[in-house]
Protein backbone atom coordinates (compact mmCIF):
# COMPACT_ATOMS: atom_id res chain seq x y z
CA MET A 1 -50.98 -7.64 22.39
CA SER A 2 -53.36 -8.94 19.75
CA THR A 3 -53.13 -11.94 17.47
CA TYR A 4 -54.59 -12.08 13.98
CA ARG A 5 -55.11 -15.23 11.96
CA ALA A 6 -55.75 -16.10 8.36
CA THR A 7 -55.85 -19.56 6.86
CA VAL A 8 -54.55 -20.07 3.34
CA ASP A 9 -55.76 -23.24 1.59
CA TRP A 10 -54.55 -24.58 -1.74
CA ARG A 11 -55.16 -27.89 -3.50
CA CYS A 12 -53.16 -29.08 -6.49
CA GLU A 13 -54.88 -28.79 -9.85
CA GLY A 14 -52.65 -29.54 -12.81
CA ASP A 15 -49.18 -31.01 -13.21
CA PHE A 16 -47.18 -29.96 -10.17
CA ALA A 17 -43.92 -31.62 -11.24
CA SER A 18 -43.78 -29.60 -14.47
CA ARG A 19 -44.85 -26.38 -12.70
CA ARG A 20 -48.12 -26.33 -14.67
CA TYR A 21 -50.45 -26.11 -11.72
CA SER A 22 -53.03 -23.65 -10.46
CA ARG A 23 -51.92 -20.98 -8.02
CA VAL A 24 -55.53 -20.27 -7.05
CA HIS A 25 -56.19 -20.61 -3.32
CA GLN A 26 -58.55 -19.39 -0.62
CA ILE A 27 -57.79 -17.08 2.27
CA ALA A 28 -60.13 -17.51 5.23
CA PHE A 29 -60.30 -15.04 8.09
CA GLU A 30 -61.43 -15.68 11.65
CA ALA A 31 -64.88 -14.13 11.29
CA GLY A 32 -65.73 -16.38 8.36
CA LEU A 33 -64.83 -14.19 5.38
CA VAL A 34 -63.25 -16.18 2.56
CA VAL A 35 -61.38 -14.37 -0.21
CA PRO A 36 -60.14 -16.00 -3.39
CA GLY A 37 -56.38 -15.71 -3.75
CA THR A 38 -53.99 -16.14 -6.65
CA ALA A 39 -50.49 -15.40 -7.83
CA GLY A 40 -50.29 -12.10 -9.68
CA PRO A 41 -50.02 -12.14 -13.47
CA ALA A 42 -46.54 -10.60 -13.21
CA ASN A 43 -45.37 -13.65 -11.26
CA VAL A 44 -46.97 -16.57 -13.04
CA ASN A 45 -48.61 -17.37 -16.36
CA PRO A 46 -52.17 -16.01 -16.06
CA ARG A 47 -53.67 -19.37 -17.06
CA TYR A 48 -52.49 -20.70 -13.67
CA GLY A 49 -54.08 -17.84 -11.77
CA ARG A 50 -57.46 -16.22 -11.46
CA PRO A 51 -58.00 -12.63 -12.65
CA ASP A 52 -60.80 -11.94 -10.16
CA ALA A 53 -58.81 -13.04 -7.10
CA MET A 54 -56.51 -11.13 -4.77
CA ASP A 55 -52.77 -11.63 -5.03
CA PRO A 56 -50.39 -11.07 -2.07
CA GLU A 57 -48.99 -7.86 -3.53
CA GLN A 58 -52.49 -6.38 -3.86
CA ALA A 59 -53.28 -7.48 -0.32
CA PHE A 60 -50.11 -5.77 0.95
CA VAL A 61 -51.01 -2.45 -0.69
CA ALA A 62 -54.66 -2.72 0.39
CA SER A 63 -53.62 -3.47 3.97
CA ILE A 64 -51.51 -0.32 4.18
CA SER A 65 -54.25 1.75 2.55
CA ALA A 66 -57.02 0.45 4.83
CA CYS A 67 -54.92 0.89 7.96
CA HIS A 68 -54.12 4.50 7.00
CA MET A 69 -57.79 5.19 6.25
CA LEU A 70 -59.02 3.83 9.57
CA TRP A 71 -56.53 5.92 11.54
CA PHE A 72 -57.26 9.00 9.40
CA LEU A 73 -61.00 8.70 10.07
CA ASP A 74 -60.34 8.29 13.78
CA PHE A 75 -58.15 11.41 13.97
CA ALA A 76 -60.56 13.41 11.79
CA SER A 77 -63.44 12.51 14.11
CA ARG A 78 -61.40 13.43 17.18
CA GLY A 79 -60.56 16.75 15.50
CA GLY A 80 -64.21 17.64 15.07
CA PHE A 81 -64.37 17.07 11.33
CA VAL A 82 -67.16 15.14 9.60
CA ALA A 83 -65.80 12.81 6.92
CA GLU A 84 -68.47 11.75 4.44
CA SER A 85 -66.40 9.64 2.06
CA TYR A 86 -62.86 8.37 1.63
CA SER A 87 -61.41 6.80 -1.50
CA ASP A 88 -57.81 5.78 -2.06
CA ALA A 89 -56.21 4.84 -5.38
CA ALA A 90 -53.23 3.14 -3.72
CA GLU A 91 -50.34 1.76 -5.75
CA GLY A 92 -47.39 -0.43 -4.82
CA THR A 93 -44.17 -0.93 -6.75
CA LEU A 94 -42.42 -4.30 -6.75
CA ALA A 95 -38.80 -3.96 -7.84
CA PRO A 96 -35.36 -5.35 -7.06
CA GLY A 97 -34.13 -4.37 -3.61
CA PRO A 98 -30.54 -3.61 -2.58
CA ASP A 99 -29.66 -7.31 -2.56
CA GLY A 100 -31.35 -7.96 -5.93
CA ARG A 101 -34.40 -9.77 -4.52
CA GLU A 102 -37.86 -8.48 -5.46
CA VAL A 103 -39.38 -6.33 -2.71
CA MET A 104 -42.22 -3.88 -2.43
CA THR A 105 -40.02 -0.79 -2.69
CA ARG A 106 -42.71 1.84 -2.48
CA VAL A 107 -46.38 2.29 -1.73
CA VAL A 108 -48.17 5.49 -2.72
CA LEU A 109 -51.51 6.30 -1.12
CA ARG A 110 -53.72 8.77 -2.96
CA PRO A 111 -56.61 9.38 -0.61
CA LYS A 112 -59.49 11.65 -1.56
CA VAL A 113 -61.63 12.66 1.39
CA THR A 114 -64.93 14.50 1.27
CA PHE A 115 -65.96 16.38 4.38
CA GLY A 116 -69.40 17.58 5.40
CA GLY A 117 -70.45 19.75 8.26
CA GLU A 118 -69.53 23.33 8.98
CA ARG A 119 -65.88 22.80 9.83
CA GLN A 120 -63.68 21.97 6.86
CA PRO A 121 -60.00 21.15 7.41
CA THR A 122 -57.44 23.61 6.12
CA PRO A 123 -54.72 22.18 3.87
CA ALA A 124 -52.36 22.18 6.88
CA GLU A 125 -54.92 20.37 9.06
CA LEU A 126 -55.53 17.81 6.30
CA GLU A 127 -51.80 17.21 5.99
CA GLY A 128 -51.58 16.88 9.78
CA LEU A 129 -54.36 14.29 9.85
CA HIS A 130 -52.57 12.22 7.19
CA HIS A 131 -49.29 12.55 9.09
CA GLN A 132 -50.93 11.38 12.34
CA ALA A 133 -52.59 8.47 10.54
CA HIS A 134 -49.30 7.41 8.96
CA GLU A 135 -47.47 7.54 12.28
CA ALA A 136 -50.19 5.48 14.00
CA CYS A 137 -50.74 2.85 11.27
CA PHE A 138 -49.64 -0.56 12.56
CA ILE A 139 -49.03 -1.88 9.06
CA ALA A 140 -46.92 1.10 7.93
CA ASN A 141 -44.88 0.74 11.12
CA SER A 142 -44.27 -2.92 10.28
CA VAL A 143 -42.78 -2.67 6.79
CA LYS A 144 -39.45 -1.54 5.37
CA SER A 145 -40.74 -0.08 2.10
CA GLU A 146 -41.22 3.61 1.59
CA ILE A 147 -44.86 4.59 2.03
CA LEU A 148 -46.00 7.91 0.58
CA ILE A 149 -49.33 9.64 1.04
CA GLU A 150 -50.45 11.86 -1.82
CA PRO A 151 -53.95 13.19 -1.09
CA ARG A 152 -55.90 14.02 -4.26
């Protein structure tokens, strides 16, 4: 069992009582990385956010994408393939769920992998690597939303 920690810090700037306050915050991770956070522009007036900061929905999609990538690279290496680059244009959809509350209903991963070396994966092997990565991904195994992988 492993434990992961992040600290989210926010301080009031603006008029809290009238809901005219900043949603900008900081997310600090154990190793010292600090990431600016915000509410997404779809959830709050952009003047109370920060366009160059990460919102929770983006973090959710990025977490699934990064987890899939790390497992994919591991399985590709074990399979004797040489991955040279990996890029994913991941996208999440926030929509009303069955009970009407907003939920992340779907995440689509669109990984593009470049391989070097003599051995190139066949389309079936590439699909198999993505399937293995999806099955092993801790984050994908932890969420209810549909997660699709569409290699490009």
